[in-house]
Amino acid sequence: MSAFELLFGPDGWWYHLAQGTVITVALALTTVPLGFGGGLMLAVAKMSKSSVIRVICDAYTTFFRGIPDILALFLIYFGLQALIDRISALVALPFHLEVNSFCAGVIALSVVAAAYSSEVWISALAAVPPGQREAAISLGLHRRQVFFLITLPQLARVALPGLGNVWTVIMKDTSLVSTLALMDLLRASSEAARATARPLVFYSAACAVYMAFSLISFRGISYFERRANRGYAA
């Protein structure tokens, strides 16, 4: 059977791979607001006047940037389940709560993305002239208004290239959840490869899908960078 028939024939595996692709995209897109939002909060906390808060945040980023991402996934998947089981036993819940692979993947990827993106946000915060914030406060704006109306729009422009790199890492790291038996693109490709004994066909198809995602992401990030930098001197 040819590679085309294996993928798109009457008994082809295209639908199986398409389902895995949907899971992969959903995992990546769900992680972005949680990871980037958490990274921004982490960056603000790192600039706190409290040395305790700064030390805790620095320890967080050092830990999750220093261990393999797959190890972070395992720690969260098994550790979170153990914690839930312990709490359930303490409060005597009449039902059992279980962390599924998708939720564990989202949490783990968000935790890692927050650690990496926090450094991007810190650099972006440093790039915003402090005089702008001071001028806005002197005009009577509340600090929250200053952040959302003046600081945040400039943060997004400055941080976009770095966040684009973190997004690329997130997209590729979604393949790690296949180790938790989640039927993502890589897991679907692996099952098809085992069932047909044609691994090269299906892993090549997975490569093509990931490359397509990467190219689309690169074009999208470049477009948003051009839009964000309109009106600014090069």
C-alpha atoms as a PDB file:
ATOM      1  CA  MET A   1       0.000   0.000   0.000  1.00  0.00           C
ATOM      2  CA  SER A   2       1.382   3.405  -0.967  1.00  0.00           C
ATOM      3  CA  ALA A   3       1.965   6.213   1.497  1.00  0.00           C
ATOM      4  CA  PHE A   4      -0.925   8.201  -0.003  1.00  0.00           C
ATOM      5  CA  GLU A   5      -3.331   5.288   0.460  1.00  0.00           C
ATOM      6  CA  LEU A   6      -2.159   4.789   4.036  1.00  0.00           C
ATOM      7  CA  LEU A   7      -2.950   8.394   4.780  1.00  0.00           C
ATOM      8  CA  PHE A   8      -5.918   9.258   2.576  1.00  0.00           C
ATOM      9  CA  GLY A   9      -7.276   5.968   1.216  1.00  0.00           C
ATOM     10  CA  PRO A  10     -10.648   4.412   2.171  1.00  0.00           C
ATOM     11  CA  ASP A  11      -8.988   2.802   5.190  1.00  0.00           C
ATOM     12  CA  GLY A  12      -6.470   5.606   5.636  1.00  0.00           C
ATOM     13  CA  TRP A  13      -5.437   7.119   8.930  1.00  0.00           C
ATOM     14  CA  TRP A  14      -6.086  10.759   7.993  1.00  0.00           C
ATOM     15  CA  TYR A  15      -9.059  11.101  10.359  1.00  0.00           C
ATOM     16  CA  HIS A  16      -7.043   9.647  13.236  1.00  0.00           C
ATOM     17  CA  LEU A  17      -4.238  12.127  12.567  1.00  0.00           C
ATOM     18  CA  ALA A  18      -6.714  14.991  12.151  1.00  0.00           C
ATOM     19  CA  GLN A  19      -8.177  14.282  15.588  1.00  0.00           C
ATOM     20  CA  GLY A  20      -4.679  14.320  17.052  1.00  0.00           C
ATOM     21  CA  THR A  21      -3.978  17.610  15.302  1.00  0.00           C
ATOM     22  CA  VAL A  22      -7.091  19.182  16.858  1.00  0.00           C
ATOM     23  CA  ILE A  23      -5.944  18.085  20.318  1.00  0.00           C
ATOM     24  CA  THR A  24      -2.460  19.509  19.687  1.00  0.00           C
ATOM     25  CA  VAL A  25      -3.828  22.884  18.536  1.00  0.00           C
ATOM     26  CA  ALA A  26      -6.313  23.043  21.425  1.00  0.00           C
ATOM     27  CA  LEU A  27      -3.548  22.266  23.915  1.00  0.00           C
ATOM     28  CA  ALA A  28      -1.266  24.988  22.536  1.00  0.00           C
ATOM     29  CA  LEU A  29      -3.978  27.645  22.299  1.00  0.00           C
ATOM     30  CA  THR A  30      -5.264  26.929  25.806  1.00  0.00           C
ATOM     31  CA  THR A  31      -1.752  27.235  27.196  1.00  0.00           C
ATOM     32  CA  VAL A  32      -1.032  30.670  25.672  1.00  0.00           C
ATOM     33  CA  PRO A  33      -3.301  32.924  27.796  1.00  0.00           C
ATOM     34  CA  LEU A  34      -2.479  30.998  30.975  1.00  0.00           C
ATOM     35  CA  GLY A  35       1.259  30.861  30.343  1.00  0.00           C
ATOM     36  CA  PHE A  36       1.704  34.402  29.054  1.00  0.00           C
ATOM     37  CA  GLY A  37      -0.684  35.864  31.627  1.00  0.00           C
ATOM     38  CA  GLY A  38       1.085  33.992  34.402  1.00  0.00           C
ATOM     39  CA  GLY A  39       4.432  35.163  33.062  1.00  0.00           C
ATOM     40  CA  LEU A  40       3.290  38.786  33.156  1.00  0.00           C
ATOM     41  CA  MET A  41       2.100  38.465  36.760  1.00  0.00           C
ATOM     42  CA  LEU A  42       5.377  36.760  37.620  1.00  0.00           C
ATOM     43  CA  ALA A  43       7.355  39.588  36.016  1.00  0.00           C
ATOM     44  CA  VAL A  44       5.431  42.220  37.977  1.00  0.00           C
ATOM     45  CA  ALA A  45       5.979  40.228  41.179  1.00  0.00           C
ATOM     46  CA  LYS A  46       9.717  40.010  40.446  1.00  0.00           C
ATOM     47  CA  MET A  47       9.833  43.804  40.449  1.00  0.00           C
ATOM     48  CA  SER A  48       8.110  43.954  43.837  1.00  0.00           C
ATOM     49  CA  LYS A  49       9.682  45.883  46.706  1.00  0.00           C
ATOM     50  CA  SER A  50       9.343  42.768  48.881  1.00  0.00           C
ATOM     51  CA  SER A  51      12.522  40.710  48.834  1.00  0.00           C
ATOM     52  CA  VAL A  52      10.572  37.604  49.907  1.00  0.00           C
ATOM     53  CA  ILE A  53       8.300  37.803  46.860  1.00  0.00           C
ATOM     54  CA  ARG A  54      11.278  38.374  44.567  1.00  0.00           C
ATOM     55  CA  VAL A  55      13.151  35.383  45.989  1.00  0.00           C
ATOM     56  CA  ILE A  56      10.112  33.096  45.623  1.00  0.00           C
ATOM     57  CA  CYS A  57       9.544  34.176  42.021  1.00  0.00           C
ATOM     58  CA  ASP A  58      13.221  33.812  41.144  1.00  0.00           C
ATOM     59  CA  ALA A  59      13.253  30.321  42.666  1.00  0.00           C
ATOM     60  CA  TYR A  60      10.167  29.411  40.606  1.00  0.00           C
ATOM     61  CA  THR A  61      11.664  30.514  37.295  1.00  0.00           C
ATOM     62  CA  THR A  62      15.060  28.996  38.087  1.00  0.00           C
ATOM     63  CA  PHE A  63      13.480  25.641  38.924  1.00  0.00           C
ATOM     64  CA  PHE A  64      11.196  25.315  35.909  1.00  0.00           C
ATOM     65  CA  ARG A  65      13.764  26.697  33.476  1.00  0.00           C
ATOM     66  CA  GLY A  66      16.395  24.363  34.900  1.00  0.00           C
ATOM     67  CA  ILE A  67      14.572  21.023  34.595  1.00  0.00           C
ATOM     68  CA  PRO A  68      13.459  19.235  31.410  1.00  0.00           C
ATOM     69  CA  ASP A  69       9.940  20.153  30.353  1.00  0.00           C
ATOM     70  CA  ILE A  70       8.879  16.515  30.342  1.00  0.00           C
ATOM     71  CA  LEU A  71       9.957  16.216  33.980  1.00  0.00           C
ATOM     72  CA  ALA A  72       7.800  19.230  34.832  1.00  0.00           C
ATOM     73  CA  LEU A  73       4.917  17.461  33.091  1.00  0.00           C
ATOM     74  CA  PHE A  74       5.414  14.314  35.181  1.00  0.00           C
ATOM     75  CA  LEU A  75       5.766  16.278  38.420  1.00  0.00           C
ATOM     76  CA  ILE A  76       2.521  18.132  37.830  1.00  0.00           C
ATOM     77  CA  TYR A  77       0.579  15.118  36.529  1.00  0.00           C
ATOM     78  CA  PHE A  78       1.512  12.749  39.347  1.00  0.00           C
ATOM     79  CA  GLY A  79       2.081  15.397  42.030  1.00  0.00           C
ATOM     80  CA  LEU A  80      -1.221  17.175  41.455  1.00  0.00           C
ATOM     81  CA  GLN A  81      -3.086  13.875  41.500  1.00  0.00           C
ATOM     82  CA  ALA A  82      -1.387  12.883  44.754  1.00  0.00           C
ATOM     83  CA  LEU A  83      -2.294  16.258  46.272  1.00  0.00           C
ATOM     84  CA  ILE A  84      -5.942  15.941  45.205  1.00  0.00           C
ATOM     85  CA  ASP A  85      -6.101  12.415  46.616  1.00  0.00           C
ATOM     86  CA  ARG A  86      -4.649  13.623  49.918  1.00  0.00           C
ATOM     87  CA  ILE A  87      -7.116  16.511  50.191  1.00  0.00           C
ATOM     88  CA  SER A  88     -10.004  14.238  49.209  1.00  0.00           C
ATOM     89  CA  ALA A  89      -9.050  11.830  51.991  1.00  0.00           C
ATOM     90  CA  LEU A  90      -8.783  14.641  54.549  1.00  0.00           C
ATOM     91  CA  VAL A  91     -12.206  16.135  53.760  1.00  0.00           C
ATOM     92  CA  ALA A  92     -13.765  12.716  53.054  1.00  0.00           C
ATOM     93  CA  LEU A  93     -15.118  13.499  49.607  1.00  0.00           C
ATOM     94  CA  PRO A  94     -17.739  10.943  48.508  1.00  0.00           C
ATOM     95  CA  PHE A  95     -16.363  10.898  44.956  1.00  0.00           C
ATOM     96  CA  HIS A  96     -12.955  10.556  43.304  1.00  0.00           C
ATOM     97  CA  LEU A  97     -11.354  13.464  41.440  1.00  0.00           C
ATOM     98  CA  GLU A  98      -8.889  12.595  38.716  1.00  0.00           C
ATOM     99  CA  VAL A  99      -6.620  14.868  36.707  1.00  0.00           C
ATOM    100  CA  ASN A 100      -6.927  13.977  33.028  1.00  0.00           C
ATOM    101  CA  SER A 101      -4.040  14.129  30.601  1.00  0.00           C
ATOM    102  CA  PHE A 102      -5.280  17.258  28.811  1.00  0.00           C
ATOM    103  CA  CYS A 103      -5.611  19.300  32.004  1.00  0.00           C
ATOM    104  CA  ALA A 104      -2.236  18.095  33.255  1.00  0.00           C
ATOM    105  CA  GLY A 105      -0.676  19.044  29.918  1.00  0.00           C
ATOM    106  CA  VAL A 106      -2.225  22.518  29.956  1.00  0.00           C
ATOM    107  CA  ILE A 107      -1.116  23.166  33.538  1.00  0.00           C
ATOM    108  CA  ALA A 108       2.421  21.869  32.967  1.00  0.00           C
ATOM    109  CA  LEU A 109       2.929  23.780  29.728  1.00  0.00           C
ATOM    110  CA  SER A 110       1.450  26.930  31.288  1.00  0.00           C
ATOM    111  CA  VAL A 111       3.781  26.668  34.272  1.00  0.00           C
ATOM    112  CA  VAL A 112       6.814  26.280  32.008  1.00  0.00           C
ATOM    113  CA  ALA A 113       5.638  29.006  29.615  1.00  0.00           C
ATOM    114  CA  ALA A 114       5.115  31.386  32.544  1.00  0.00           C
ATOM    115  CA  ALA A 115       8.694  30.794  33.712  1.00  0.00           C
ATOM    116  CA  TYR A 116      10.156  31.550  30.275  1.00  0.00           C
ATOM    117  CA  SER A 117       7.825  34.380  29.301  1.00  0.00           C
ATOM    118  CA  SER A 118       8.383  36.174  32.621  1.00  0.00           C
ATOM    119  CA  GLU A 119      11.915  37.016  31.479  1.00  0.00           C
ATOM    120  CA  VAL A 120      10.520  38.429  28.237  1.00  0.00           C
ATOM    121  CA  TRP A 121       8.005  40.539  30.144  1.00  0.00           C
ATOM    122  CA  ILE A 122      10.696  41.851  32.511  1.00  0.00           C
ATOM    123  CA  SER A 123      12.797  43.035  29.573  1.00  0.00           C
ATOM    124  CA  ALA A 124       9.719  44.669  28.060  1.00  0.00           C
ATOM    125  CA  LEU A 125       8.865  46.405  31.345  1.00  0.00           C
ATOM    126  CA  ALA A 126      12.399  47.770  31.532  1.00  0.00           C
ATOM    127  CA  ALA A 127      12.057  49.130  27.985  1.00  0.00           C
ATOM    128  CA  VAL A 128       9.066  51.336  28.875  1.00  0.00           C
ATOM    129  CA  PRO A 129      10.360  54.786  29.933  1.00  0.00           C
ATOM    130  CA  PRO A 130       9.538  55.312  33.628  1.00  0.00           C
ATOM    131  CA  GLY A 131       8.882  58.979  32.927  1.00  0.00           C
ATOM    132  CA  GLN A 132       5.682  58.060  31.103  1.00  0.00           C
ATOM    133  CA  ARG A 133       4.297  56.295  34.164  1.00  0.00           C
ATOM    134  CA  GLU A 134       5.352  59.122  36.433  1.00  0.00           C
ATOM    135  CA  ALA A 135       3.721  61.710  34.164  1.00  0.00           C
ATOM    136  CA  ALA A 136       0.475  59.732  34.040  1.00  0.00           C
ATOM    137  CA  ILE A 137       0.374  59.420  37.835  1.00  0.00           C
ATOM    138  CA  SER A 138       1.034  63.143  38.212  1.00  0.00           C
ATOM    139  CA  LEU A 139      -1.995  63.791  35.970  1.00  0.00           C
ATOM    140  CA  GLY A 140      -4.197  61.912  38.432  1.00  0.00           C
ATOM    141  CA  LEU A 141      -4.393  58.465  36.842  1.00  0.00           C
ATOM    142  CA  HIS A 142      -4.600  55.491  39.156  1.00  0.00           C
ATOM    143  CA  ARG A 143      -1.734  52.988  38.974  1.00  0.00           C
ATOM    144  CA  ARG A 144      -4.079  50.389  37.481  1.00  0.00           C
ATOM    145  CA  GLN A 145      -5.129  52.828  34.779  1.00  0.00           C
ATOM    146  CA  VAL A 146      -1.492  53.646  34.080  1.00  0.00           C
ATOM    147  CA  PHE A 147      -0.680  49.979  33.649  1.00  0.00           C
ATOM    148  CA  PHE A 148      -3.563  49.109  31.315  1.00  0.00           C
ATOM    149  CA  LEU A 149      -3.655  52.349  29.309  1.00  0.00           C
ATOM    150  CA  ILE A 150       0.032  53.239  28.998  1.00  0.00           C
ATOM    151  CA  THR A 151       2.330  50.408  30.042  1.00  0.00           C
ATOM    152  CA  LEU A 152       0.554  47.321  28.695  1.00  0.00           C
ATOM    153  CA  PRO A 153       0.137  48.498  25.072  1.00  0.00           C
ATOM    154  CA  GLN A 154       3.866  49.212  24.886  1.00  0.00           C
ATOM    155  CA  LEU A 155       4.703  45.947  26.646  1.00  0.00           C
ATOM    156  CA  ALA A 156       2.877  43.934  24.009  1.00  0.00           C
ATOM    157  CA  ARG A 157       4.835  45.630  21.215  1.00  0.00           C
ATOM    158  CA  VAL A 158       8.245  45.158  22.835  1.00  0.00           C
ATOM    159  CA  ALA A 159       7.595  41.627  24.108  1.00  0.00           C
ATOM    160  CA  LEU A 160       6.059  40.249  20.912  1.00  0.00           C
ATOM    161  CA  PRO A 161       9.274  38.844  19.344  1.00  0.00           C
ATOM    162  CA  GLY A 162      10.260  37.073  22.556  1.00  0.00           C
ATOM    163  CA  LEU A 163       6.744  35.776  23.166  1.00  0.00           C
ATOM    164  CA  GLY A 164       6.746  34.467  19.602  1.00  0.00           C
ATOM    165  CA  ASN A 165       9.768  32.342  20.435  1.00  0.00           C
ATOM    166  CA  VAL A 166       8.062  31.030  23.580  1.00  0.00           C
ATOM    167  CA  TRP A 167       4.962  30.203  21.504  1.00  0.00           C
ATOM    168  CA  THR A 168       7.110  28.125  19.145  1.00  0.00           C
ATOM    169  CA  VAL A 169       8.488  26.192  22.119  1.00  0.00           C
ATOM    170  CA  ILE A 170       4.968  25.629  23.493  1.00  0.00           C
ATOM    171  CA  MET A 171       3.740  24.331  20.165  1.00  0.00           C
ATOM    172  CA  LYS A 172       6.541  21.770  19.965  1.00  0.00           C
ATOM    173  CA  ASP A 173       6.297  20.843  23.642  1.00  0.00           C
ATOM    174  CA  THR A 174       2.685  19.759  23.182  1.00  0.00           C
ATOM    175  CA  SER A 175       4.136  16.518  21.824  1.00  0.00           C
ATOM    176  CA  LEU A 176       5.308  15.686  25.358  1.00  0.00           C
ATOM    177  CA  VAL A 177       1.752  14.957  26.498  1.00  0.00           C
ATOM    178  CA  SER A 178       1.777  11.864  24.305  1.00  0.00           C
ATOM    179  CA  THR A 179       3.676  10.253  27.190  1.00  0.00           C
ATOM    180  CA  LEU A 180       0.489  10.624  29.277  1.00  0.00           C
ATOM    181  CA  ALA A 181      -1.545   8.673  26.700  1.00  0.00           C
ATOM    182  CA  LEU A 182      -3.267  11.813  25.392  1.00  0.00           C
ATOM    183  CA  MET A 183      -4.159  11.271  21.746  1.00  0.00           C
ATOM    184  CA  ASP A 184      -2.322  14.246  20.304  1.00  0.00           C
ATOM    185  CA  LEU A 185      -0.704  14.367  16.869  1.00  0.00           C
ATOM    186  CA  LEU A 186       2.461  12.530  17.911  1.00  0.00           C
ATOM    187  CA  ARG A 187       0.530   9.818  19.776  1.00  0.00           C
ATOM    188  CA  ALA A 188      -1.816   9.327  16.820  1.00  0.00           C
ATOM    189  CA  SER A 189       1.168   9.059  14.473  1.00  0.00           C
ATOM    190  CA  SER A 190       2.834   6.522  16.767  1.00  0.00           C
ATOM    191  CA  GLU A 191      -0.277   4.342  16.919  1.00  0.00           C
ATOM    192  CA  ALA A 192      -0.682   4.432  13.149  1.00  0.00           C
ATOM    193  CA  ALA A 193       3.003   3.571  12.724  1.00  0.00           C
ATOM    194  CA  ARG A 194       2.718   0.562  15.029  1.00  0.00           C
ATOM    195  CA  ALA A 195      -0.476  -0.673  13.402  1.00  0.00           C
ATOM    196  CA  THR A 196       0.865  -0.495   9.843  1.00  0.00           C
ATOM    197  CA  ALA A 197       4.588  -1.077  10.438  1.00  0.00           C
ATOM    198  CA  ARG A 198       5.232   2.037   8.292  1.00  0.00           C
ATOM    199  CA  PRO A 199       6.691   4.493  10.796  1.00  0.00           C
ATOM    200  CA  LEU A 200       8.426   6.703   8.235  1.00  0.00           C
ATOM    201  CA  VAL A 201       5.125   7.541   6.526  1.00  0.00           C
ATOM    202  CA  PHE A 202       3.315   8.695   9.648  1.00  0.00           C
ATOM    203  CA  TYR A 203       6.204  10.404  11.376  1.00  0.00           C
ATOM    204  CA  SER A 204       6.883  12.279   8.132  1.00  0.00           C
ATOM    205  CA  ALA A 205       3.225  13.309   8.075  1.00  0.00           C
ATOM    206  CA  ALA A 206       3.538  14.543  11.667  1.00  0.00           C
ATOM    207  CA  CYS A 207       6.661  16.510  10.693  1.00  0.00           C
ATOM    208  CA  ALA A 208       4.747  18.121   7.843  1.00  0.00           C
ATOM    209  CA  VAL A 209       1.924  19.191  10.171  1.00  0.00           C
ATOM    210  CA  TYR A 210       4.299  20.635  12.777  1.00  0.00           C
ATOM    211  CA  MET A 211       6.229  22.461  10.042  1.00  0.00           C
ATOM    212  CA  ALA A 212       2.974  23.877   8.688  1.00  0.00           C
ATOM    213  CA  PHE A 213       2.098  25.145  12.176  1.00  0.00           C
ATOM    214  CA  SER A 214       5.554  26.690  12.510  1.00  0.00           C
ATOM    215  CA  LEU A 215       5.418  28.456   9.153  1.00  0.00           C
ATOM    216  CA  ILE A 216       1.934  29.808   9.841  1.00  0.00           C
ATOM    217  CA  SER A 217       3.091  30.975  13.273  1.00  0.00           C
ATOM    218  CA  PHE A 218       6.167  32.701  11.834  1.00  0.00           C
ATOM    219  CA  ARG A 219       4.059  34.533   9.274  1.00  0.00           C
ATOM    220  CA  GLY A 220       1.486  35.493  11.898  1.00  0.00           C
ATOM    221  CA  ILE A 221       4.083  36.752  14.367  1.00  0.00           C
ATOM    222  CA  SER A 222       5.813  38.780  11.641  1.00  0.00           C
ATOM    223  CA  TYR A 223       2.483  40.330  10.657  1.00  0.00           C
ATOM    224  CA  PHE A 224       1.646  41.333  14.228  1.00  0.00           C
ATOM    225  CA  GLU A 225       5.154  42.719  14.730  1.00  0.00           C
ATOM    226  CA  ARG A 226       4.752  44.947  11.676  1.00  0.00           C
ATOM    227  CA  ARG A 227       1.340  46.083  12.884  1.00  0.00           C
ATOM    228  CA  ALA A 228       2.596  46.778  16.403  1.00  0.00           C
ATOM    229  CA  ASN A 229       5.608  48.765  15.184  1.00  0.00           C
ATOM    230  CA  ARG A 230       3.697  51.051  12.819  1.00  0.00           C
ATOM    231  CA  GLY A 231       4.442  54.655  13.651  1.00  0.00           C
ATOM    232  CA  TYR A 232       7.611  53.829  15.592  1.00  0.00           C
ATOM    233  CA  ALA A 233      11.031  54.784  14.301  1.00  0.00           C
ATOM    234  CA  ALA A 234      13.228  51.849  13.296  1.00  0.00           C
END
